[in-house]
Amino acid sequence: MASSPMQALENGGQPLEGDGGQFIRVIVADTQAIFRAGLRKIFAVEDDVRVVGQAETLSQTFSAAKKFSADLMLFEAALAPNPLEAVSDLLRQNPGLRLVVVTPEPNEELTLELLRRGACGIVSREVEPELMVDCLRKVSKGEAWLDSRGIQWVLDAYRTQGTRAGSPKTKVQLTPKESLIVSCVTQGMKNKEIAVRVGTTEQVVKNYLRKVYDKLGVADRLELALYCLNNRTVEGMVKPPAAPAGPTNGQAVESEIPATETPEVS
């Protein structure tokens, strides 16, 4: 399929005559022109939904998010080699934008991680038109959207985390450095970003996270985030500094937790 440039639609997102500006402004980012066209036809018959821009590549998607005034974006997961990183980057660069991710098929691991990264809704490519419109309306109001299977996955993950959190191991207090790194994780930062922010190395961050997992009885970053939400762990935590503390800090931390003593964790 020949590539077409990023397009602005419906007067570039400005209020149309007679609308009074009371509509949901949507950017459609999808690799398939026929899918984009289909969505436009679906939304055209709705009084409160307007497509203000569209994109068919990842680079166009980032440009569209900055160029067009939109409330939310329909983002096809297949647009990016790593959709999780793409979602994190989009939301970091456009904090006011709400993302609804379109996946090729239901996937538990992808669903849970997309939610952790900040996606407001997740829909299958086979979603019924009326459900897609309902999704946009819910998300535009600040609500989350999942199908019944996705909700069950979240509940199961929460219950699993709750079972782990009930063990005596979770009563251990975190050190200031561990709390700082956990605070970064709950903000959606990657290990590399945490290392720069805290002033250490990525390997040391991985070592710290493994120790935190062991202390709290969680298995991964998702369970850590759920644990923090359930136990209000991040309340009162010291916020990470805006700039790295310097190269010597990284050396000092590494001496506290040698890389050879703790396995890597991604």
Protein backbone atom coordinates (compact mmCIF):
# COMPACT_ATOMS: atom_id res chain seq x y z
CA MET A 1 0.00 0.00 0.00
CA ALA A 2 1.37 3.40 -0.94
CA SER A 3 2.05 5.68 1.97
CA SER A 4 -0.04 8.83 2.28
CA PRO A 5 0.90 11.86 4.35
CA MET A 6 -0.55 12.64 7.74
CA GLN A 7 -3.94 14.24 7.22
CA ALA A 8 -6.03 16.79 9.06
CA LEU A 9 -9.78 16.28 8.95
CA GLU A 10 -12.88 18.11 10.11
CA ASN A 11 -11.31 21.57 9.97
CA GLY A 12 -8.13 20.54 11.80
CA GLY A 13 -9.89 20.02 15.11
CA GLN A 14 -11.41 23.48 15.34
CA PRO A 15 -15.11 23.75 16.28
CA LEU A 16 -17.40 23.36 13.28
CA GLU A 17 -20.27 25.73 12.68
CA GLY A 18 -23.27 24.67 14.71
CA ASP A 19 -21.31 22.26 16.89
CA GLY A 20 -20.35 24.74 19.57
CA GLY A 21 -17.16 22.76 20.10
CA GLN A 22 -19.02 20.10 22.12
CA PHE A 23 -17.61 16.97 20.54
CA ILE A 24 -14.95 14.36 21.13
CA ARG A 25 -11.91 15.11 18.96
CA VAL A 26 -10.20 11.93 17.80
CA ILE A 27 -6.96 11.10 15.99
CA VAL A 28 -7.06 7.76 14.18
CA ALA A 29 -3.60 6.17 13.90
CA ASP A 30 -3.75 2.93 11.98
CA THR A 31 -1.73 1.21 9.26
CA GLN A 32 -4.77 0.24 7.18
CA ALA A 33 -6.50 2.94 5.13
CA ILE A 34 -9.68 0.87 4.91
CA PHE A 35 -9.90 0.66 8.71
CA ARG A 36 -9.38 4.41 9.06
CA ALA A 37 -12.03 5.08 6.43
CA GLY A 38 -14.43 2.71 8.16
CA LEU A 39 -13.99 4.47 11.49
CA ARG A 40 -14.57 7.85 9.87
CA LYS A 41 -17.87 6.63 8.45
CA ILE A 42 -18.90 5.23 11.82
CA PHE A 43 -18.06 8.44 13.66
CA ALA A 44 -19.60 10.69 10.97
CA VAL A 45 -23.12 9.69 11.98
CA GLU A 46 -22.45 10.49 15.64
CA ASP A 47 -23.24 14.02 16.81
CA ASP A 48 -20.51 14.09 19.45
CA VAL A 49 -17.50 12.51 17.71
CA ARG A 50 -15.19 14.16 15.18
CA VAL A 51 -12.04 12.76 13.55
CA VAL A 52 -9.60 15.67 13.48
CA GLY A 53 -6.54 13.86 12.11
CA GLN A 54 -5.18 10.55 10.98
CA ALA A 55 -1.81 8.83 10.61
CA GLU A 56 -0.61 5.55 9.14
CA THR A 57 2.98 5.36 10.41
CA LEU A 58 4.54 5.69 13.84
CA SER A 59 6.37 8.91 12.96
CA GLN A 60 3.15 10.41 11.60
CA THR A 61 1.41 9.36 14.80
CA PHE A 62 3.82 11.34 16.98
CA SER A 63 3.53 14.32 14.64
CA ALA A 64 -0.26 14.14 14.64
CA ALA A 65 -0.38 14.04 18.43
CA LYS A 66 1.52 17.33 18.57
CA LYS A 67 -0.11 19.02 15.59
CA PHE A 68 -3.81 18.34 16.08
CA SER A 69 -5.90 19.40 19.03
CA ALA A 70 -7.45 16.10 20.12
CA ASP A 71 -9.02 14.60 23.21
CA LEU A 72 -7.97 11.05 22.47
CA MET A 73 -6.19 8.84 19.98
CA LEU A 74 -7.10 5.46 18.57
CA PHE A 75 -3.68 3.83 18.33
CA GLU A 76 -3.13 0.54 16.51
CA ALA A 77 -0.65 -1.61 18.44
CA ALA A 78 0.83 -2.90 15.17
CA LEU A 79 2.04 0.61 14.30
CA ALA A 80 5.09 0.14 16.51
CA PRO A 81 7.64 -2.67 16.80
CA ASN A 82 7.25 -2.20 20.56
CA PRO A 83 3.76 -0.83 21.26
CA LEU A 84 4.44 -0.60 25.00
CA GLU A 85 7.35 1.77 24.51
CA ALA A 86 5.36 3.74 21.92
CA VAL A 87 2.47 4.21 24.36
CA SER A 88 4.83 5.36 27.10
CA ASP A 89 6.53 7.83 24.77
CA LEU A 90 3.27 9.18 23.35
CA LEU A 91 1.86 9.86 26.80
CA ARG A 92 5.11 11.32 28.06
CA GLN A 93 5.21 13.77 25.15
CA ASN A 94 1.46 14.47 25.20
CA PRO A 95 0.30 14.17 28.82
CA GLY A 96 -3.20 15.46 28.10
CA LEU A 97 -3.92 12.90 25.39
CA ARG A 98 -5.95 9.79 26.20
CA LEU A 99 -5.00 6.62 24.35
CA VAL A 100 -7.26 3.79 23.25
CA VAL A 101 -5.11 0.96 21.90
CA VAL A 102 -6.47 -1.28 19.14
CA THR A 103 -5.02 -4.80 19.38
CA PRO A 104 -5.21 -7.53 16.72
CA GLU A 105 -6.58 -10.03 19.23
CA PRO A 106 -7.14 -10.28 23.00
CA ASN A 107 -3.88 -10.76 24.91
CA GLU A 108 -3.64 -10.86 28.69
CA GLU A 109 0.00 -9.85 29.10
CA LEU A 110 -0.27 -7.02 26.58
CA THR A 111 -3.50 -5.75 28.11
CA LEU A 112 -2.11 -5.57 31.63
CA GLU A 113 1.12 -3.90 30.55
CA LEU A 114 -0.67 -1.36 28.33
CA LEU A 115 -2.80 -0.35 31.30
CA ARG A 116 0.30 0.03 33.44
CA ARG A 117 1.85 2.24 30.78
CA GLY A 118 -1.16 4.55 30.87
CA ALA A 119 -3.55 3.41 28.14
CA CYS A 120 -7.14 4.40 28.98
CA GLY A 121 -8.82 1.79 26.84
CA ILE A 122 -8.04 -1.40 24.94
CA VAL A 123 -10.24 -2.75 22.17
CA SER A 124 -9.96 -5.62 19.73
CA ARG A 125 -9.83 -4.89 16.03
CA GLU A 126 -13.07 -6.87 15.72
CA VAL A 127 -14.99 -4.62 18.14
CA GLU A 128 -18.56 -3.77 17.16
CA PRO A 129 -19.04 -0.17 15.91
CA GLU A 130 -21.45 0.79 18.68
CA LEU A 131 -19.02 -0.49 21.32
CA MET A 132 -16.20 1.53 19.77
CA VAL A 133 -18.31 4.68 20.05
CA ASP A 134 -19.22 3.82 23.64
CA CYS A 135 -15.54 3.32 24.37
CA LEU A 136 -14.64 6.78 23.07
CA ARG A 137 -17.39 8.41 25.11
CA LYS A 138 -16.32 6.66 28.30
CA VAL A 139 -12.63 7.41 27.83
CA SER A 140 -13.32 11.06 26.94
CA LYS A 141 -14.96 11.40 30.37
CA GLY A 142 -11.88 10.05 32.12
CA GLU A 143 -13.13 6.49 32.53
CA ALA A 144 -11.29 3.32 31.53
CA TRP A 145 -12.55 0.86 28.92
CA LEU A 146 -12.01 -2.88 28.80
CA ASP A 147 -14.10 -5.76 27.54
CA SER A 148 -15.29 -8.38 30.05
CA ARG A 149 -12.24 -10.58 29.46
CA GLY A 150 -9.86 -7.68 30.07
CA ILE A 151 -11.65 -6.80 33.30
CA GLN A 152 -11.28 -10.40 34.45
CA TRP A 153 -7.55 -10.32 33.69
CA VAL A 154 -7.12 -7.18 35.79
CA LEU A 155 -9.11 -8.67 38.67
CA ASP A 156 -7.08 -11.88 38.56
CA ALA A 157 -3.82 -9.91 38.58
CA TYR A 158 -5.03 -7.83 41.50
CA ARG A 159 -6.09 -10.89 43.46
CA THR A 160 -2.78 -12.60 42.80
CA GLN A 161 -0.96 -9.51 43.98
CA GLY A 162 -3.22 -9.35 47.04
CA THR A 163 -2.39 -12.95 47.95
CA ARG A 164 1.33 -12.25 47.65
CA ALA A 165 0.96 -9.02 49.63
CA GLY A 166 -0.53 -10.93 52.56
CA SER A 167 2.66 -12.86 53.22
CA PRO A 168 4.95 -11.85 56.11
CA LYS A 169 7.64 -10.92 53.59
CA THR A 170 5.69 -7.80 52.58
CA LYS A 171 6.05 -6.27 56.05
CA VAL A 172 9.70 -5.37 55.40
CA GLN A 173 10.36 -1.64 55.14
CA LEU A 174 11.94 -0.28 51.95
CA THR A 175 15.17 1.69 52.17
CA PRO A 176 15.15 5.32 50.95
CA LYS A 177 16.93 4.29 47.73
CA GLU A 178 14.48 1.44 47.12
CA SER A 179 11.54 3.77 47.75
CA LEU A 180 12.95 6.29 45.28
CA ILE A 181 13.27 3.66 42.56
CA VAL A 182 9.79 2.30 43.26
CA SER A 183 8.43 5.84 42.94
CA CYS A 184 10.05 6.09 39.51
CA VAL A 185 8.53 2.75 38.46
CA THR A 186 5.02 3.85 39.46
CA GLN A 187 5.48 6.88 37.21
CA GLY A 188 6.06 4.58 34.24
CA MET A 189 9.80 5.13 33.89
CA LYS A 190 12.00 2.53 32.24
CA ASN A 191 15.15 1.24 33.95
CA LYS A 192 17.38 3.40 31.78
CA GLU A 193 15.40 6.53 32.67
CA ILE A 194 15.46 5.64 36.36
CA ALA A 195 19.23 5.20 36.23
CA VAL A 196 19.70 8.65 34.73
CA ARG A 197 17.26 10.27 37.12
CA VAL A 198 18.70 8.65 40.24
CA GLY A 199 22.33 8.95 39.12
CA THR A 200 23.35 5.30 38.91
CA THR A 201 23.59 2.54 36.30
CA GLU A 202 20.84 0.54 34.66
CA GLN A 203 22.25 -2.71 36.08
CA VAL A 204 22.13 -1.33 39.61
CA VAL A 205 18.50 -0.32 39.10
CA LYS A 206 17.74 -3.90 38.01
CA ASN A 207 19.48 -5.21 41.12
CA TYR A 208 17.48 -2.90 43.37
CA LEU A 209 14.22 -3.92 41.71
CA ARG A 210 14.95 -7.60 42.25
CA LYS A 211 15.51 -6.91 45.95
CA VAL A 212 12.25 -4.94 46.11
CA TYR A 213 10.36 -7.77 44.38
CA ASP A 214 11.72 -10.22 46.93
CA LYS A 215 10.88 -7.95 49.86
CA LEU A 216 7.30 -7.26 48.79
CA GLY A 217 6.55 -10.71 47.41
CA VAL A 218 5.74 -9.54 43.88
CA ALA A 219 6.88 -11.03 40.60
CA ASP A 220 7.15 -8.12 38.17
CA ARG A 221 6.57 -4.40 37.57
CA LEU A 222 2.82 -4.83 37.13
CA GLU A 223 2.42 -6.58 40.48
CA LEU A 224 4.67 -3.94 42.05
CA ALA A 225 2.41 -1.16 40.70
CA LEU A 226 -0.71 -2.99 41.95
CA TYR A 227 0.89 -3.53 45.35
CA CYS A 228 1.72 0.18 45.62
CA LEU A 229 -1.84 1.11 44.63
CA ASN A 230 -3.40 -1.32 47.11
CA ASN A 231 -1.14 -0.38 50.01
CA ARG A 232 -0.68 3.33 49.19
CA THR A 233 3.04 2.65 49.22
CA VAL A 234 3.99 5.66 47.09
CA GLU A 235 2.25 8.18 49.34
CA GLY A 236 4.84 10.34 51.03
CA MET A 237 7.71 8.92 49.01
CA VAL A 238 10.52 11.23 47.99
CA LYS A 239 10.11 12.27 44.37
CA PRO A 240 13.01 11.47 42.03
CA PRO A 241 15.36 14.39 41.32
CA ALA A 242 15.02 16.25 38.03
CA ALA A 243 18.68 15.68 37.12
CA PRO A 244 21.19 12.86 37.71
CA ALA A 245 23.06 13.12 40.96
CA GLY A 246 26.46 12.46 39.36
CA PRO A 247 28.63 9.51 38.36
CA THR A 248 30.04 8.91 41.83
CA ASN A 249 26.58 8.12 43.18
CA GLY A 250 26.24 5.24 40.79
CA GLN A 251 29.53 3.76 42.00
CA ALA A 252 28.47 4.07 45.63
CA VAL A 253 25.16 2.36 45.03
CA GLU A 254 26.77 -0.46 43.09
CA SER A 255 28.98 -1.21 46.04
CA GLU A 256 25.88 -1.56 48.22
CA ILE A 257 24.33 -4.19 45.94
CA PRO A 258 26.94 -5.91 43.77
CA ALA A 259 25.62 -7.02 40.38
CA THR A 260 27.00 -10.52 40.97
CA GLU A 261 24.77 -11.03 44.00
CA THR A 262 21.45 -10.29 42.37
CA PRO A 263 20.11 -11.63 39.03
CA GLU A 264 19.07 -9.26 36.29
CA VAL A 265 15.46 -8.14 36.00
CA SER A 266 14.01 -6.29 33.07
